[in-house]
Amino acid sequence: MISDFENLSLSGSNGPNNHTDPFTHTELTAEQQKTLIDIRRRKTELLLEIQQLKDELGEVVAELEALDGQEECKQNSKAKQMSIGRKKFNMDPKKGIEYLYENGLLQRTPEDVAQFLHKGEGLSKTAIGDYLGERSEFNEAVLKAFVDLHDFTDLILVQALRQFLWSFRLPGEAQKIDRMMECFAQRYCQLNPDIFTNADTCYVLSFAIIMLNTSLHNPSVKDKPTPEQFVAMNRGINNGGDLPQELLLSLYESIKTEPFKIPEDDGNDLMHTFFNPDKEGWLWKQGGRYKSWKRRWFILNDNCLYYFEYTTDKEPRGIIPLENISVRPASDRQRPHCLELYASGGADLIKACKTDSEGKVVEGKHTVYRMSAATVEERDEWIECLRRSISHNPFYDMLAQRKKKAQHSGHSGSH
């Protein structure tokens, strides 16, 4: 407790009774020596008292922490469980929701689940889209409650779509998209009853806007639609009649000026996409322009074939949607056990994209993709899995049916 300075002052240099000032080295009087000793004693006492107060304060703080500990522990536990629930949801929405039920963080009601998804804090928007599109009575009730949380009153259709499509990512499956867009159209017409004669018209026009957005702003689409083509494309969809030209032209202008913002997910999105693939493994892939062979890691999932340079890569080098495409065994002089994907169903090219050497996403120009497996058995297994995943895009058939319905529904005398 006593400083070096105090030690120096106490020891002095002229014996026990002759104290000197440590700075001037002049001899102190008896009275000065007594004062100095009193100061030292008082300082030591004060230091001891300060230490005692610190110890007592530490005890009080510890007691307060102990008193608050249980409540804080409960709160920390709930926050931790909510964080775990969100992560589980991003990897498997059903399991995540079930975990939140079990830990009392969500009620088993469509309204409560819809609120959780609409708030969206820390959630993958891809996972939200997948969950909302599921075909079950409960999920459909959640979807309706989720859409009802959006207020589209007095918004033009394109504004309403911007708001809606920012709250999740549309899934890839046609049937899921159909249910979600139908729900959107009904809600929009409910809040804006004087714009369309029926919800099917709103549905078809919504899709026309989404497709226009792709055509105008996707660099791989060379022939951009004109305003006149957009008007012509939507003739007769308002229960057999035409929508006002001014409305269609204003929608066209809005999309041309400002494309839709598509919500970007962080790593959770990719994590969800590749969490439980249909098949994955190494294959040799033949190049398009240069026919060299390169080893690539392939993942088959959600009707898409992704390929990566390394298994640890976060972004795929290429994506091949399995639409209007077929697969067959093939023979090649350079490689054994080959299979190839080729355009079918009336398509000339395989619709695919890849990352070029500068990191830009470009459209692939393949009519055929050829791959080579290590064994015959592995090749046959890939062919079987690919055939199960391949679909002639059902989305366009579904949209054509809906367009037909919008042109002829309700009032048969309106033609």
Protein backbone atom coordinates (compact mmCIF):
# COMPACT_ATOMS: atom_id res chain seq x y z
CA MET A 1 0.00 0.00 0.00
CA ILE A 2 2.96 2.39 0.63
CA SER A 3 4.55 3.95 -2.45
CA ASP A 4 8.23 4.08 -3.34
CA PHE A 5 8.17 7.80 -2.54
CA GLU A 6 6.90 7.02 0.98
CA ASN A 7 9.57 4.39 1.49
CA LEU A 8 12.21 6.90 0.46
CA SER A 9 10.80 9.49 2.85
CA LEU A 10 10.64 7.03 5.76
CA SER A 11 14.11 5.60 5.34
CA GLY A 12 15.94 8.96 4.89
CA SER A 13 19.75 8.89 4.83
CA ASN A 14 20.82 10.17 8.28
CA GLY A 15 19.66 7.42 10.64
CA PRO A 16 16.30 6.82 12.30
CA ASN A 17 15.93 10.22 13.97
CA ASN A 18 17.43 12.53 11.35
CA HIS A 19 14.92 12.93 8.55
CA THR A 20 15.68 15.04 5.49
CA ASP A 21 13.48 16.43 2.75
CA PRO A 22 13.99 13.97 -0.19
CA PHE A 23 13.96 16.84 -2.74
CA THR A 24 16.10 19.52 -1.01
CA HIS A 25 18.04 17.17 1.27
CA THR A 26 17.71 19.75 4.07
CA GLU A 27 17.16 18.50 7.61
CA LEU A 28 13.53 18.59 8.88
CA THR A 29 12.53 20.01 12.28
CA ALA A 30 10.87 17.73 14.86
CA GLU A 31 7.49 19.34 14.16
CA GLN A 32 7.85 18.85 10.40
CA GLN A 33 8.84 15.26 10.96
CA LYS A 34 5.73 14.68 13.09
CA THR A 35 3.49 16.28 10.42
CA LEU A 36 5.07 14.11 7.74
CA ILE A 37 4.49 10.94 9.79
CA ASP A 38 0.83 11.97 10.39
CA ILE A 39 0.33 12.54 6.64
CA ARG A 40 1.80 9.14 5.85
CA ARG A 41 -0.36 7.39 8.42
CA ARG A 42 -3.51 9.17 7.19
CA LYS A 43 -2.68 8.35 3.58
CA THR A 44 -2.24 4.67 4.45
CA GLU A 45 -5.57 4.68 6.31
CA LEU A 46 -7.31 6.34 3.33
CA LEU A 47 -5.85 3.79 0.92
CA LEU A 48 -7.10 0.96 3.13
CA GLU A 49 -10.54 2.58 3.34
CA ILE A 50 -10.69 3.01 -0.46
CA GLN A 51 -9.80 -0.66 -0.93
CA GLN A 52 -12.46 -1.66 1.61
CA LEU A 53 -15.06 0.46 -0.23
CA LYS A 54 -14.05 -1.13 -3.53
CA ASP A 55 -14.50 -4.59 -2.03
CA GLU A 56 -17.91 -3.67 -0.61
CA LEU A 57 -18.96 -2.11 -3.94
CA GLY A 58 -17.88 -5.30 -5.72
CA GLU A 59 -20.06 -7.36 -3.37
CA VAL A 60 -23.07 -5.07 -3.95
CA VAL A 61 -22.61 -5.29 -7.76
CA ALA A 62 -22.33 -9.08 -7.53
CA GLU A 63 -25.56 -9.21 -5.50
CA LEU A 64 -27.36 -6.98 -8.01
CA GLU A 65 -26.12 -9.14 -10.88
CA ALA A 66 -27.29 -12.24 -9.06
CA LEU A 67 -30.73 -10.69 -8.55
CA ASP A 68 -31.00 -9.73 -12.25
CA GLY A 69 -29.31 -12.88 -13.45
CA GLN A 70 -32.33 -15.15 -13.66
CA GLU A 71 -34.43 -12.66 -15.67
CA GLU A 72 -31.51 -11.84 -17.96
CA CYS A 73 -30.80 -15.52 -18.39
CA LYS A 74 -34.39 -16.05 -19.49
CA GLN A 75 -34.17 -13.17 -21.98
CA ASN A 76 -30.81 -14.34 -23.31
CA SER A 77 -32.16 -17.85 -23.65
CA LYS A 78 -35.20 -16.63 -25.64
CA ALA A 79 -33.03 -14.43 -27.88
CA LYS A 80 -30.69 -17.35 -28.50
CA GLN A 81 -33.59 -19.69 -29.28
CA MET A 82 -35.07 -17.12 -31.69
CA SER A 83 -31.69 -16.85 -33.44
CA ILE A 84 -31.48 -20.66 -33.71
CA GLY A 85 -35.08 -20.75 -34.99
CA ARG A 86 -34.28 -18.24 -37.75
CA LYS A 87 -31.22 -20.23 -38.84
CA LYS A 88 -33.23 -23.45 -38.86
CA PHE A 89 -35.96 -21.72 -40.89
CA ASN A 90 -33.40 -20.55 -43.48
CA MET A 91 -32.19 -24.12 -43.92
CA ASP A 92 -35.55 -25.86 -43.66
CA PRO A 93 -38.61 -23.59 -43.19
CA LYS A 94 -40.89 -26.31 -41.77
CA LYS A 95 -38.35 -27.41 -39.16
CA GLY A 96 -37.60 -23.80 -38.22
CA ILE A 97 -41.29 -22.99 -37.64
CA GLU A 98 -41.73 -26.21 -35.61
CA TYR A 99 -38.71 -25.31 -33.44
CA LEU A 100 -40.20 -21.85 -32.74
CA TYR A 101 -43.54 -23.47 -31.79
CA GLU A 102 -41.86 -25.90 -29.41
CA ASN A 103 -39.97 -23.11 -27.63
CA GLY A 104 -43.05 -20.92 -27.24
CA LEU A 105 -41.75 -18.23 -29.63
CA LEU A 106 -44.58 -18.61 -32.15
CA GLN A 107 -48.24 -19.50 -31.76
CA ARG A 108 -49.64 -22.20 -34.01
CA THR A 109 -51.84 -19.75 -35.94
CA PRO A 110 -51.55 -18.60 -39.57
CA GLU A 111 -51.70 -14.97 -38.38
CA ASP A 112 -48.75 -15.33 -35.98
CA VAL A 113 -46.59 -17.17 -38.54
CA ALA A 114 -47.51 -14.57 -41.20
CA GLN A 115 -46.45 -11.73 -38.86
CA PHE A 116 -43.11 -13.50 -38.26
CA LEU A 117 -42.51 -13.90 -42.03
CA HIS A 118 -43.67 -10.37 -42.87
CA LYS A 119 -41.33 -8.87 -40.28
CA GLY A 120 -38.65 -11.02 -41.91
CA GLU A 121 -35.85 -10.11 -39.48
CA GLY A 122 -32.83 -12.34 -40.20
CA LEU A 123 -34.83 -14.56 -42.54
CA SER A 124 -33.82 -15.73 -46.01
CA LYS A 125 -36.33 -14.28 -48.49
CA THR A 126 -35.91 -17.40 -50.59
CA ALA A 127 -36.97 -19.55 -47.62
CA ILE A 128 -39.98 -17.24 -47.00
CA GLY A 129 -41.03 -17.69 -50.63
CA ASP A 130 -40.68 -21.48 -50.44
CA TYR A 131 -42.74 -21.67 -47.24
CA LEU A 132 -45.50 -19.39 -48.53
CA GLY A 133 -45.80 -21.41 -51.73
CA GLU A 134 -46.25 -24.80 -50.03
CA ARG A 135 -49.47 -26.62 -50.81
CA SER A 136 -51.10 -27.39 -47.48
CA GLU A 137 -54.19 -25.97 -45.84
CA PHE A 138 -52.16 -24.28 -43.11
CA ASN A 139 -49.53 -22.81 -45.47
CA GLU A 140 -52.25 -21.44 -47.75
CA ALA A 141 -53.86 -19.77 -44.71
CA VAL A 142 -50.44 -18.30 -43.79
CA LEU A 143 -50.06 -17.04 -47.38
CA LYS A 144 -53.45 -15.31 -47.25
CA ALA A 145 -52.65 -13.74 -43.85
CA PHE A 146 -49.22 -12.67 -45.18
CA VAL A 147 -50.74 -10.99 -48.26
CA ASP A 148 -53.38 -9.33 -46.05
CA LEU A 149 -50.55 -7.62 -44.12
CA HIS A 150 -49.80 -5.63 -47.30
CA ASP A 151 -51.86 -2.51 -47.96
CA PHE A 152 -52.24 -1.90 -51.70
CA THR A 153 -55.01 0.69 -51.38
CA ASP A 154 -54.82 3.38 -54.12
CA LEU A 155 -51.53 1.99 -55.47
CA ILE A 156 -51.18 1.47 -59.20
CA LEU A 157 -50.57 -2.20 -59.98
CA VAL A 158 -46.84 -1.83 -60.57
CA GLN A 159 -46.35 -0.10 -57.18
CA ALA A 160 -48.28 -2.88 -55.44
CA LEU A 161 -46.13 -5.49 -57.20
CA ARG A 162 -42.94 -3.71 -56.14
CA GLN A 163 -44.04 -3.84 -52.51
CA PHE A 164 -45.19 -7.46 -52.70
CA LEU A 165 -42.15 -8.87 -54.54
CA TRP A 166 -39.74 -7.17 -52.14
CA SER A 167 -41.12 -9.08 -49.13
CA PHE A 168 -39.88 -12.50 -50.37
CA ARG A 169 -38.38 -14.18 -53.44
CA LEU A 170 -40.70 -15.90 -55.89
CA PRO A 171 -39.95 -19.64 -55.86
CA GLY A 172 -39.12 -21.49 -59.07
CA GLU A 173 -42.07 -23.89 -59.12
CA ALA A 174 -44.99 -22.88 -61.33
CA GLN A 175 -47.67 -24.16 -58.94
CA LYS A 176 -46.21 -22.19 -56.03
CA ILE A 177 -46.03 -19.02 -58.14
CA ASP A 178 -49.63 -19.59 -59.24
CA ARG A 179 -50.97 -19.72 -55.66
CA MET A 180 -48.98 -16.68 -54.56
CA MET A 181 -49.90 -14.48 -57.50
CA GLU A 182 -53.56 -15.51 -57.30
CA CYS A 183 -53.59 -14.44 -53.65
CA PHE A 184 -51.92 -11.14 -54.57
CA ALA A 185 -54.43 -10.44 -57.37
CA GLN A 186 -57.42 -11.12 -55.09
CA ARG A 187 -56.04 -8.80 -52.40
CA TYR A 188 -55.29 -6.03 -54.91
CA CYS A 189 -58.80 -6.23 -56.42
CA GLN A 190 -60.37 -6.32 -52.94
CA LEU A 191 -58.62 -3.04 -52.02
CA ASN A 192 -59.07 -1.45 -55.47
CA PRO A 193 -62.47 -2.74 -56.67
CA ASP A 194 -62.95 -0.35 -59.62
CA ILE A 195 -59.87 -1.13 -61.74
CA PHE A 196 -60.36 -4.68 -63.11
CA THR A 197 -63.51 -6.67 -63.86
CA ASN A 198 -62.03 -9.78 -62.18
CA ALA A 199 -58.97 -11.05 -60.31
CA ASP A 200 -57.82 -13.15 -63.29
CA THR A 201 -57.25 -9.97 -65.30
CA CYS A 202 -55.12 -8.57 -62.47
CA TYR A 203 -53.22 -11.88 -62.29
CA VAL A 204 -52.41 -11.97 -66.03
CA LEU A 205 -51.42 -8.30 -66.15
CA SER A 206 -49.19 -8.76 -63.07
CA PHE A 207 -47.32 -11.50 -64.88
CA ALA A 208 -47.10 -9.43 -68.04
CA ILE A 209 -45.41 -6.72 -65.94
CA ILE A 210 -42.96 -9.19 -64.35
CA MET A 211 -42.06 -10.59 -67.80
CA LEU A 212 -41.74 -7.06 -69.22
CA ASN A 213 -39.31 -6.24 -66.41
CA THR A 214 -37.16 -9.24 -67.42
CA SER A 215 -37.31 -8.42 -71.13
CA LEU A 216 -36.39 -4.74 -70.66
CA HIS A 217 -33.64 -5.15 -68.07
CA ASN A 218 -32.03 -8.55 -68.66
CA PRO A 219 -28.90 -7.91 -70.78
CA SER A 220 -29.21 -11.34 -72.42
CA VAL A 221 -32.56 -10.35 -74.02
CA LYS A 222 -31.56 -8.65 -77.27
CA ASP A 223 -35.00 -7.70 -78.70
CA LYS A 224 -36.62 -5.31 -76.23
CA PRO A 225 -40.44 -5.11 -76.44
CA THR A 226 -41.93 -1.78 -77.53
CA PRO A 227 -44.85 -0.06 -75.75
CA GLU A 228 -47.09 -1.08 -78.69
CA GLN A 229 -46.09 -4.74 -78.31
CA PHE A 230 -46.86 -4.62 -74.59
CA VAL A 231 -50.34 -3.17 -75.33
CA ALA A 232 -50.96 -5.81 -78.02
CA MET A 233 -49.85 -8.62 -75.70
CA ASN A 234 -52.57 -7.68 -73.20
CA ARG A 235 -55.50 -7.33 -75.58
CA GLY A 236 -58.78 -8.89 -74.50
CA ILE A 237 -57.64 -9.86 -70.99
CA ASN A 238 -60.21 -7.67 -69.20
CA ASN A 239 -63.07 -10.18 -69.39
CA GLY A 240 -62.85 -10.16 -73.18
CA GLY A 241 -62.40 -6.40 -73.41
CA ASP A 242 -59.26 -4.26 -73.56
CA LEU A 243 -57.75 -2.38 -70.64
CA PRO A 244 -57.30 1.40 -71.13
CA GLN A 245 -54.25 2.06 -73.31
CA GLU A 246 -53.13 4.88 -70.99
CA LEU A 247 -52.98 2.39 -68.08
CA LEU A 248 -50.83 -0.08 -70.03
CA LEU A 249 -48.50 2.64 -71.33
CA SER A 250 -48.03 4.07 -67.82
CA LEU A 251 -47.17 0.58 -66.52
CA TYR A 252 -44.67 0.12 -69.36
CA GLU A 253 -43.03 3.49 -68.62
CA SER A 254 -42.81 2.76 -64.89
CA ILE A 255 -40.97 -0.54 -65.48
CA LYS A 256 -38.71 0.95 -68.15
CA THR A 257 -37.71 3.81 -65.84
CA GLU A 258 -37.26 1.73 -62.68
CA PRO A 259 -36.77 -2.06 -62.77
CA PHE A 260 -38.04 -4.25 -59.96
CA LYS A 261 -35.67 -4.60 -57.03
CA ILE A 262 -35.25 -8.30 -56.37
CA PRO A 263 -34.35 -8.98 -52.74
CA GLU A 264 -30.82 -10.30 -52.41
CA ASP A 265 -30.16 -12.85 -49.72
CA ASP A 266 -26.87 -13.32 -47.96
CA GLY A 267 -25.15 -16.71 -47.62
CA ASN A 268 -28.31 -18.12 -46.07
CA ASP A 269 -29.95 -18.09 -49.50
CA LEU A 270 -27.21 -20.23 -51.00
CA MET A 271 -27.15 -22.38 -47.88
CA HIS A 272 -30.83 -23.09 -48.33
CA THR A 273 -30.50 -23.79 -52.06
CA PHE A 274 -27.75 -26.37 -51.67
CA PHE A 275 -28.62 -27.73 -48.24
CA ASN A 276 -30.26 -30.94 -49.40
CA PRO A 277 -29.48 -31.48 -53.12
CA ASP A 278 -31.04 -34.24 -55.24
CA LYS A 279 -27.53 -35.27 -56.33
CA GLU A 280 -24.00 -33.85 -56.23
CA GLY A 281 -20.56 -34.97 -57.40
CA TRP A 282 -17.59 -34.45 -59.70
CA LEU A 283 -18.03 -34.70 -63.47
CA TRP A 284 -15.80 -33.72 -66.37
CA LYS A 285 -17.51 -31.00 -68.46
CA GLN A 286 -16.72 -30.20 -72.09
CA GLY A 287 -16.29 -26.51 -72.90
CA GLY A 288 -18.61 -24.74 -75.33
CA ARG A 289 -16.31 -22.66 -77.55
CA TYR A 290 -13.13 -24.64 -76.84
CA LYS A 291 -13.81 -28.35 -76.60
CA SER A 292 -11.42 -28.88 -73.69
CA TRP A 293 -12.55 -30.91 -70.66
CA LYS A 294 -12.54 -29.48 -67.14
CA ARG A 295 -13.39 -31.12 -63.84
CA ARG A 296 -16.37 -29.42 -62.16
CA TRP A 297 -18.43 -30.03 -59.02
CA PHE A 298 -22.11 -30.46 -60.01
CA ILE A 299 -25.16 -29.97 -57.77
CA LEU A 300 -28.65 -30.95 -58.91
CA ASN A 301 -31.39 -29.15 -56.99
CA ASP A 302 -34.80 -27.49 -57.53
CA ASN A 303 -34.97 -28.26 -61.28
CA CYS A 304 -31.55 -26.66 -61.86
CA LEU A 305 -28.09 -28.07 -62.46
CA TYR A 306 -25.34 -25.91 -60.91
CA TYR A 307 -21.62 -26.38 -61.49
CA PHE A 308 -18.68 -25.04 -59.45
CA GLU A 309 -14.92 -24.98 -59.91
CA TYR A 310 -14.37 -26.07 -56.28
CA THR A 311 -16.67 -27.59 -53.66
CA THR A 312 -15.91 -24.63 -51.37
CA ASP A 313 -17.02 -21.97 -53.90
CA LYS A 314 -19.95 -19.86 -52.71
CA GLU A 315 -21.12 -18.91 -56.21
CA PRO A 316 -21.68 -21.38 -59.06
CA ARG A 317 -19.71 -20.97 -62.31
CA GLY A 318 -22.83 -21.90 -64.25
CA ILE A 319 -26.55 -22.60 -63.86
CA ILE A 320 -28.58 -24.77 -66.24
CA PRO A 321 -32.37 -24.60 -65.61
CA LEU A 322 -33.83 -27.99 -66.54
CA GLU A 323 -36.65 -26.66 -68.73
CA ASN A 324 -37.32 -27.63 -72.33
CA ILE A 325 -34.30 -29.89 -72.16
CA SER A 326 -33.60 -33.64 -72.42
CA VAL A 327 -30.77 -35.95 -71.38
CA ARG A 328 -29.23 -38.99 -73.09
CA PRO A 329 -26.11 -41.17 -72.95
CA ALA A 330 -23.38 -40.10 -75.41
CA SER A 331 -20.08 -41.41 -76.72
CA ASP A 332 -16.92 -39.35 -77.08
CA ARG A 333 -13.47 -40.27 -78.39
CA GLN A 334 -11.72 -38.36 -75.61
CA ARG A 335 -13.81 -39.36 -72.58
CA PRO A 336 -15.68 -42.49 -71.40
CA HIS A 337 -19.13 -42.72 -69.74
CA CYS A 338 -20.57 -39.53 -71.27
CA LEU A 339 -24.04 -38.02 -71.02
CA GLU A 340 -25.41 -34.90 -72.65
CA LEU A 341 -28.15 -32.37 -72.08
CA TYR A 342 -29.75 -31.06 -75.28
CA ALA A 343 -32.46 -28.53 -76.16
CA SER A 344 -35.92 -30.04 -76.78
CA GLY A 345 -39.59 -29.09 -76.66
CA GLY A 346 -39.21 -26.60 -79.51
CA ALA A 347 -36.24 -24.74 -77.98
CA ASP A 348 -33.16 -24.06 -80.16
CA LEU A 349 -30.73 -23.20 -77.36
CA ILE A 350 -30.38 -24.34 -73.77
CA LYS A 351 -31.38 -21.44 -71.51
CA ALA A 352 -28.40 -21.17 -69.14
CA CYS A 353 -25.95 -18.67 -67.73
CA LYS A 354 -22.34 -18.76 -66.57
CA THR A 355 -19.70 -16.51 -65.02
CA ASP A 356 -17.02 -15.39 -67.49
CA SER A 357 -13.31 -14.83 -66.73
CA GLU A 358 -14.05 -11.26 -65.54
CA GLY A 359 -16.75 -12.40 -63.13
CA LYS A 360 -19.67 -11.16 -65.28
CA VAL A 361 -22.78 -13.30 -65.69
CA VAL A 362 -23.33 -14.06 -69.38
CA GLU A 363 -25.90 -16.13 -71.24
CA GLY A 364 -24.70 -19.53 -72.41
CA LYS A 365 -24.98 -20.33 -76.13
CA HIS A 366 -25.08 -24.12 -75.88
CA THR A 367 -27.30 -26.43 -77.89
CA VAL A 368 -25.68 -29.33 -75.99
CA TYR A 369 -23.88 -29.76 -72.64
CA ARG A 370 -21.66 -32.85 -72.52
CA MET A 371 -20.35 -34.35 -69.28
CA SER A 372 -18.28 -37.45 -68.44
CA ALA A 373 -18.63 -39.59 -65.31
CA ALA A 374 -16.05 -41.83 -63.63
CA THR A 375 -18.06 -45.04 -64.16
CA VAL A 376 -21.02 -46.32 -66.21
CA GLU A 377 -23.05 -46.72 -63.01
CA GLU A 378 -22.40 -43.12 -62.02
CA ARG A 379 -23.36 -41.86 -65.49
CA ASP A 380 -26.63 -43.84 -65.42
CA GLU A 381 -27.42 -42.52 -61.93
CA TRP A 382 -26.91 -38.92 -63.10
CA ILE A 383 -29.15 -39.55 -66.15
CA GLU A 384 -31.90 -41.01 -63.95
CA CYS A 385 -31.74 -38.10 -61.45
CA LEU A 386 -31.69 -35.50 -64.24
CA ARG A 387 -34.71 -37.08 -65.94
CA ARG A 388 -36.64 -36.90 -62.68
CA SER A 389 -35.82 -33.17 -62.37
CA ILE A 390 -36.39 -32.14 -65.99
CA SER A 391 -39.68 -30.45 -66.80
CA HIS A 392 -41.10 -28.75 -69.87
CA ASN A 393 -41.72 -25.40 -68.23
CA PRO A 394 -45.25 -25.74 -66.77
CA PHE A 395 -45.31 -22.02 -65.97
CA TYR A 396 -46.15 -20.94 -69.53
CA ASP A 397 -48.94 -23.53 -69.83
CA MET A 398 -50.38 -22.33 -66.52
CA LEU A 399 -50.22 -18.68 -67.63
CA ALA A 400 -51.86 -19.50 -70.98
CA GLN A 401 -54.75 -21.19 -69.15
CA ARG A 402 -55.18 -18.20 -66.86
CA LYS A 403 -55.11 -15.79 -69.83
CA LYS A 404 -57.83 -17.81 -71.52
CA LYS A 405 -59.90 -17.65 -68.35
CA ALA A 406 -59.40 -13.86 -68.04
CA GLN A 407 -60.55 -13.36 -71.63
CA HIS A 408 -63.71 -15.44 -71.27
CA SER A 409 -64.64 -15.57 -67.57
CA GLY A 410 -67.72 -14.21 -65.90
CA HIS A 411 -69.85 -12.29 -68.38
CA SER A 412 -70.24 -14.42 -71.48
CA GLY A 413 -72.11 -11.61 -73.22
CA SER A 414 -69.17 -9.20 -73.10
CA HIS A 415 -67.46 -10.33 -76.34
